[in-house]
């Protein structure tokens, strides 16, 4: 049985820590989900590039956001494992992530990562379209700005610094607007 990714309806998920889920030795079969790979569309072999992530400095009281994440695509199945790998050792195992479906064309219910599964929830109106919420097993919660994959490098670097600044009081959308980066409310002008 192949499980199709869901895009709607909106589901509410609580961030109360997770219950470890069974992990199979075969990464293609997790909780009854089977995937196949096509060599023509498979990701290139070799080391994954480092995750582009900036967090509020340790010991500082975070501002409105806890940092920023700059994924390389709009593919959650591809982008969440490196994010979890970066956060797991220092923050606790990531168990849940919530997104706004505006920027994510496919939202899987679960994403397998090294040794566990991340459950995915989505909110259309309740969550800023330019943010992601990450919950850990501890239980802790991070609110991260999601910088669009195609953002200019200079704007993305400014956004990573601004979002992880403990004095920041702006939302993800407000920061993107200040940097001149297209947002869900203000798409890129065609020209």
C-alpha atoms as a PDB file:
ATOM      1  CA  UNK A   1       0.000   0.000   0.000  1.00  0.00           C
ATOM      2  CA  UNK A   2       1.416   3.368  -1.011  1.00  0.00           C
ATOM      3  CA  UNK A   3       0.388   6.272   1.184  1.00  0.00           C
ATOM      4  CA  UNK A   4      -0.360   9.455  -0.727  1.00  0.00           C
ATOM      5  CA  UNK A   5       0.815  12.771   0.793  1.00  0.00           C
ATOM      6  CA  UNK A   6      -1.982  14.925   2.163  1.00  0.00           C
ATOM      7  CA  UNK A   7      -2.385  18.588   1.483  1.00  0.00           C
ATOM      8  CA  UNK A   8      -5.648  19.303   3.319  1.00  0.00           C
ATOM      9  CA  UNK A   9      -7.588  19.504   5.671  1.00  0.00           C
ATOM     10  CA  UNK A  10      -5.945  21.557   8.376  1.00  0.00           C
ATOM     11  CA  UNK A  11      -4.899  19.414  11.351  1.00  0.00           C
ATOM     12  CA  UNK A  12      -4.008  20.631  14.802  1.00  0.00           C
ATOM     13  CA  UNK A  13      -0.976  19.002  16.387  1.00  0.00           C
ATOM     14  CA  UNK A  14       0.135  19.521  19.962  1.00  0.00           C
ATOM     15  CA  UNK A  15       3.772  19.807  20.756  1.00  0.00           C
ATOM     16  CA  UNK A  16       3.921  17.679  23.904  1.00  0.00           C
ATOM     17  CA  UNK A  17       6.925  15.555  23.142  1.00  0.00           C
ATOM     18  CA  UNK A  18       6.810  12.481  21.020  1.00  0.00           C
ATOM     19  CA  UNK A  19       6.470   8.803  21.469  1.00  0.00           C
ATOM     20  CA  UNK A  20       9.268   6.888  19.745  1.00  0.00           C
ATOM     21  CA  UNK A  21       8.001   5.160  16.641  1.00  0.00           C
ATOM     22  CA  UNK A  22       9.238   1.823  15.316  1.00  0.00           C
ATOM     23  CA  UNK A  23      12.124   2.092  12.890  1.00  0.00           C
ATOM     24  CA  UNK A  24      12.723  -0.557  10.293  1.00  0.00           C
ATOM     25  CA  UNK A  25      16.094  -1.450   8.868  1.00  0.00           C
ATOM     26  CA  UNK A  26      14.791  -0.694   5.393  1.00  0.00           C
ATOM     27  CA  UNK A  27      14.521   3.130   5.028  1.00  0.00           C
ATOM     28  CA  UNK A  28      12.048   2.673   2.160  1.00  0.00           C
ATOM     29  CA  UNK A  29       9.476   1.081   4.475  1.00  0.00           C
ATOM     30  CA  UNK A  30       8.465   3.179   7.448  1.00  0.00           C
ATOM     31  CA  UNK A  31       5.062   2.660   9.056  1.00  0.00           C
ATOM     32  CA  UNK A  32       3.672   0.955   5.960  1.00  0.00           C
ATOM     33  CA  UNK A  33       4.873   3.613   3.523  1.00  0.00           C
ATOM     34  CA  UNK A  34       6.793   2.289   0.534  1.00  0.00           C
ATOM     35  CA  UNK A  35       8.691   4.472  -1.887  1.00  0.00           C
ATOM     36  CA  UNK A  36      10.542   3.729  -5.069  1.00  0.00           C
ATOM     37  CA  UNK A  37      13.327   5.713  -6.616  1.00  0.00           C
ATOM     38  CA  UNK A  38      13.917   6.598 -10.206  1.00  0.00           C
ATOM     39  CA  UNK A  39      17.639   6.934 -11.019  1.00  0.00           C
ATOM     40  CA  UNK A  40      16.853   9.833 -13.357  1.00  0.00           C
ATOM     41  CA  UNK A  41      15.261  11.856 -10.554  1.00  0.00           C
ATOM     42  CA  UNK A  42      17.319  10.559  -7.631  1.00  0.00           C
ATOM     43  CA  UNK A  43      19.329  13.137  -5.717  1.00  0.00           C
ATOM     44  CA  UNK A  44      22.993  13.305  -6.680  1.00  0.00           C
ATOM     45  CA  UNK A  45      25.218  10.949  -4.752  1.00  0.00           C
ATOM     46  CA  UNK A  46      27.870  12.323  -2.467  1.00  0.00           C
ATOM     47  CA  UNK A  47      27.768  14.338   0.705  1.00  0.00           C
ATOM     48  CA  UNK A  48      24.719  16.486   1.382  1.00  0.00           C
ATOM     49  CA  UNK A  49      25.502  20.205   1.539  1.00  0.00           C
ATOM     50  CA  UNK A  50      25.313  21.580   5.089  1.00  0.00           C
ATOM     51  CA  UNK A  51      21.943  22.775   6.315  1.00  0.00           C
ATOM     52  CA  UNK A  52      21.546  26.548   6.192  1.00  0.00           C
ATOM     53  CA  UNK A  53      20.326  27.306   9.703  1.00  0.00           C
ATOM     54  CA  UNK A  54      20.807  30.159  12.145  1.00  0.00           C
ATOM     55  CA  UNK A  55      19.550  29.995  15.755  1.00  0.00           C
ATOM     56  CA  UNK A  56      19.323  32.483  18.609  1.00  0.00           C
ATOM     57  CA  UNK A  57      22.586  32.296  20.600  1.00  0.00           C
ATOM     58  CA  UNK A  58      22.605  29.791  23.476  1.00  0.00           C
ATOM     59  CA  UNK A  59      21.600  31.380  26.774  1.00  0.00           C
ATOM     60  CA  UNK A  60      19.841  34.338  25.143  1.00  0.00           C
ATOM     61  CA  UNK A  61      16.116  34.838  25.503  1.00  0.00           C
ATOM     62  CA  UNK A  62      14.775  34.433  21.972  1.00  0.00           C
ATOM     63  CA  UNK A  63      12.851  37.209  20.301  1.00  0.00           C
ATOM     64  CA  UNK A  64       9.738  36.645  18.184  1.00  0.00           C
ATOM     65  CA  UNK A  65      11.579  33.927  16.238  1.00  0.00           C
ATOM     66  CA  UNK A  66      14.175  31.383  17.309  1.00  0.00           C
ATOM     67  CA  UNK A  67      16.138  31.633  14.090  1.00  0.00           C
ATOM     68  CA  UNK A  68      15.964  31.031  10.352  1.00  0.00           C
ATOM     69  CA  UNK A  69      16.181  28.080   7.981  1.00  0.00           C
ATOM     70  CA  UNK A  70      17.090  28.452   4.313  1.00  0.00           C
ATOM     71  CA  UNK A  71      16.087  25.220   2.528  1.00  0.00           C
ATOM     72  CA  UNK A  72      17.352  24.490  -0.975  1.00  0.00           C
ATOM     73  CA  UNK A  73      13.916  23.466  -2.334  1.00  0.00           C
ATOM     74  CA  UNK A  74      10.201  23.266  -1.528  1.00  0.00           C
ATOM     75  CA  UNK A  75      10.439  19.480  -0.991  1.00  0.00           C
ATOM     76  CA  UNK A  76       9.841  18.587   2.674  1.00  0.00           C
ATOM     77  CA  UNK A  77      10.894  14.959   2.148  1.00  0.00           C
ATOM     78  CA  UNK A  78      14.285  16.167   0.986  1.00  0.00           C
ATOM     79  CA  UNK A  79      14.725  19.210   3.244  1.00  0.00           C
ATOM     80  CA  UNK A  80      13.588  18.010   6.695  1.00  0.00           C
ATOM     81  CA  UNK A  81      16.166  15.220   7.241  1.00  0.00           C
ATOM     82  CA  UNK A  82      19.174  17.607   7.113  1.00  0.00           C
ATOM     83  CA  UNK A  83      17.336  20.082   9.369  1.00  0.00           C
ATOM     84  CA  UNK A  84      16.585  17.326  11.894  1.00  0.00           C
ATOM     85  CA  UNK A  85      20.181  16.089  11.712  1.00  0.00           C
ATOM     86  CA  UNK A  86      21.421  19.578  12.590  1.00  0.00           C
ATOM     87  CA  UNK A  87      18.944  20.065  15.455  1.00  0.00           C
ATOM     88  CA  UNK A  88      18.785  16.571  17.018  1.00  0.00           C
ATOM     89  CA  UNK A  89      22.204  16.485  18.758  1.00  0.00           C
ATOM     90  CA  UNK A  90      21.967  19.882  20.438  1.00  0.00           C
ATOM     91  CA  UNK A  91      18.252  20.351  20.876  1.00  0.00           C
ATOM     92  CA  UNK A  92      16.644  16.930  21.202  1.00  0.00           C
ATOM     93  CA  UNK A  93      15.140  14.586  18.651  1.00  0.00           C
ATOM     94  CA  UNK A  94      12.743  16.408  16.305  1.00  0.00           C
ATOM     95  CA  UNK A  95       9.329  14.715  16.480  1.00  0.00           C
ATOM     96  CA  UNK A  96       6.904  17.151  14.833  1.00  0.00           C
ATOM     97  CA  UNK A  97       6.994  19.992  12.347  1.00  0.00           C
ATOM     98  CA  UNK A  98       4.145  22.263  11.320  1.00  0.00           C
ATOM     99  CA  UNK A  99       4.126  24.299   8.136  1.00  0.00           C
ATOM    100  CA  UNK A 100       1.779  26.549   6.219  1.00  0.00           C
ATOM    101  CA  UNK A 101       0.988  24.866   2.865  1.00  0.00           C
ATOM    102  CA  UNK A 102       1.515  28.091   0.902  1.00  0.00           C
ATOM    103  CA  UNK A 103       5.165  27.302   0.074  1.00  0.00           C
ATOM    104  CA  UNK A 104       5.086  23.499   0.270  1.00  0.00           C
ATOM    105  CA  UNK A 105       3.342  21.892  -2.739  1.00  0.00           C
ATOM    106  CA  UNK A 106       3.329  18.415  -1.134  1.00  0.00           C
ATOM    107  CA  UNK A 107       3.005  17.894   2.600  1.00  0.00           C
ATOM    108  CA  UNK A 108       3.680  14.308   3.645  1.00  0.00           C
ATOM    109  CA  UNK A 109       2.157  13.076   6.905  1.00  0.00           C
ATOM    110  CA  UNK A 110       5.481  11.597   8.019  1.00  0.00           C
ATOM    111  CA  UNK A 111       9.100  12.079   7.010  1.00  0.00           C
ATOM    112  CA  UNK A 112      11.610   9.335   7.825  1.00  0.00           C
ATOM    113  CA  UNK A 113      14.926  10.556   9.205  1.00  0.00           C
ATOM    114  CA  UNK A 114      17.884   8.735  10.744  1.00  0.00           C
ATOM    115  CA  UNK A 115      16.383   6.408  13.335  1.00  0.00           C
ATOM    116  CA  UNK A 116      12.929   7.961  13.698  1.00  0.00           C
ATOM    117  CA  UNK A 117       9.991   9.610  11.949  1.00  0.00           C
ATOM    118  CA  UNK A 118       8.942  13.264  11.982  1.00  0.00           C
ATOM    119  CA  UNK A 119       5.183  13.892  11.950  1.00  0.00           C
ATOM    120  CA  UNK A 120       4.091  16.820   9.793  1.00  0.00           C
ATOM    121  CA  UNK A 121       1.113  19.084  10.478  1.00  0.00           C
ATOM    122  CA  UNK A 122      -0.140  22.070   8.564  1.00  0.00           C
ATOM    123  CA  UNK A 123      -2.050  25.247   9.324  1.00  0.00           C
ATOM    124  CA  UNK A 124      -3.344  27.659   6.727  1.00  0.00           C
ATOM    125  CA  UNK A 125      -4.513  30.649   8.749  1.00  0.00           C
ATOM    126  CA  UNK A 126      -3.105  29.897  12.185  1.00  0.00           C
ATOM    127  CA  UNK A 127       0.566  29.877  11.182  1.00  0.00           C
ATOM    128  CA  UNK A 128       2.577  32.555   9.408  1.00  0.00           C
ATOM    129  CA  UNK A 129       3.095  31.307   5.845  1.00  0.00           C
ATOM    130  CA  UNK A 130       6.802  32.150   6.077  1.00  0.00           C
ATOM    131  CA  UNK A 131       7.503  30.239   9.311  1.00  0.00           C
ATOM    132  CA  UNK A 132       7.866  26.644  10.415  1.00  0.00           C
ATOM    133  CA  UNK A 133       7.389  25.270  13.933  1.00  0.00           C
ATOM    134  CA  UNK A 134       9.738  22.479  15.029  1.00  0.00           C
ATOM    135  CA  UNK A 135       8.942  20.384  18.124  1.00  0.00           C
ATOM    136  CA  UNK A 136      11.364  18.062  19.867  1.00  0.00           C
ATOM    137  CA  UNK A 137      11.001  15.009  22.091  1.00  0.00           C
ATOM    138  CA  UNK A 138      12.272  16.991  25.100  1.00  0.00           C
ATOM    139  CA  UNK A 139       9.572  18.824  24.612  1.00  0.00           C
ATOM    140  CA  UNK A 140      10.819  22.096  23.207  1.00  0.00           C
ATOM    141  CA  UNK A 141       9.572  24.225  20.338  1.00  0.00           C
ATOM    142  CA  UNK A 142      11.342  26.412  17.795  1.00  0.00           C
ATOM    143  CA  UNK A 143       9.706  28.996  15.555  1.00  0.00           C
ATOM    144  CA  UNK A 144      11.881  29.447  12.470  1.00  0.00           C
ATOM    145  CA  UNK A 145      11.664  31.863   9.573  1.00  0.00           C
ATOM    146  CA  UNK A 146      11.687  29.926   6.287  1.00  0.00           C
ATOM    147  CA  UNK A 147      13.738  31.810   3.729  1.00  0.00           C
ATOM    148  CA  UNK A 148      12.607  30.986   0.162  1.00  0.00           C
ATOM    149  CA  UNK A 149      15.098  28.709  -1.628  1.00  0.00           C
ATOM    150  CA  UNK A 150      15.540  31.178  -4.478  1.00  0.00           C
ATOM    151  CA  UNK A 151      16.268  34.198  -2.251  1.00  0.00           C
ATOM    152  CA  UNK A 152      19.337  36.273  -3.082  1.00  0.00           C
ATOM    153  CA  UNK A 153      22.322  35.297  -0.936  1.00  0.00           C
ATOM    154  CA  UNK A 154      22.811  38.777   0.534  1.00  0.00           C
ATOM    155  CA  UNK A 155      19.139  39.040   1.552  1.00  0.00           C
ATOM    156  CA  UNK A 156      19.160  35.489   2.973  1.00  0.00           C
ATOM    157  CA  UNK A 157      22.237  36.180   5.085  1.00  0.00           C
ATOM    158  CA  UNK A 158      20.644  39.364   6.473  1.00  0.00           C
ATOM    159  CA  UNK A 159      17.442  37.434   7.215  1.00  0.00           C
ATOM    160  CA  UNK A 160      19.337  34.665   9.028  1.00  0.00           C
ATOM    161  CA  UNK A 161      21.011  37.263  11.241  1.00  0.00           C
ATOM    162  CA  UNK A 162      17.819  39.255  11.863  1.00  0.00           C
ATOM    163  CA  UNK A 163      15.647  36.212  12.667  1.00  0.00           C
ATOM    164  CA  UNK A 164      18.145  34.856  15.207  1.00  0.00           C
ATOM    165  CA  UNK A 165      18.637  38.246  16.894  1.00  0.00           C
ATOM    166  CA  UNK A 166      17.199  38.067  20.438  1.00  0.00           C
ATOM    167  CA  UNK A 167      15.901  41.649  20.018  1.00  0.00           C
ATOM    168  CA  UNK A 168      13.803  40.734  16.957  1.00  0.00           C
ATOM    169  CA  UNK A 169      10.073  41.405  17.376  1.00  0.00           C
ATOM    170  CA  UNK A 170       8.987  40.922  13.748  1.00  0.00           C
ATOM    171  CA  UNK A 171       7.206  37.940  12.187  1.00  0.00           C
ATOM    172  CA  UNK A 172       8.694  35.930   9.356  1.00  0.00           C
ATOM    173  CA  UNK A 173       6.579  37.724   6.772  1.00  0.00           C
ATOM    174  CA  UNK A 174       7.558  41.126   8.205  1.00  0.00           C
ATOM    175  CA  UNK A 175      11.264  40.245   7.988  1.00  0.00           C
ATOM    176  CA  UNK A 176      10.957  39.008   4.396  1.00  0.00           C
ATOM    177  CA  UNK A 177       9.117  42.194   3.451  1.00  0.00           C
ATOM    178  CA  UNK A 178      11.837  44.326   5.074  1.00  0.00           C
ATOM    179  CA  UNK A 179      14.476  42.426   3.053  1.00  0.00           C
ATOM    180  CA  UNK A 180      12.513  42.810  -0.197  1.00  0.00           C
ATOM    181  CA  UNK A 181      12.053  39.036  -0.539  1.00  0.00           C
ATOM    182  CA  UNK A 182       8.720  37.799  -1.974  1.00  0.00           C
ATOM    183  CA  UNK A 183       6.280  36.464   0.618  1.00  0.00           C
ATOM    184  CA  UNK A 184       3.000  34.553   0.482  1.00  0.00           C
ATOM    185  CA  UNK A 185       1.119  37.862   0.716  1.00  0.00           C
ATOM    186  CA  UNK A 186       3.438  39.670  -1.675  1.00  0.00           C
ATOM    187  CA  UNK A 187       4.555  37.311  -4.505  1.00  0.00           C
ATOM    188  CA  UNK A 188       7.465  38.117  -6.759  1.00  0.00           C
ATOM    189  CA  UNK A 189       6.559  40.636  -9.449  1.00  0.00           C
ATOM    190  CA  UNK A 190       6.626  39.125 -12.929  1.00  0.00           C
ATOM    191  CA  UNK A 191       8.424  41.090 -15.431  1.00  0.00           C
END
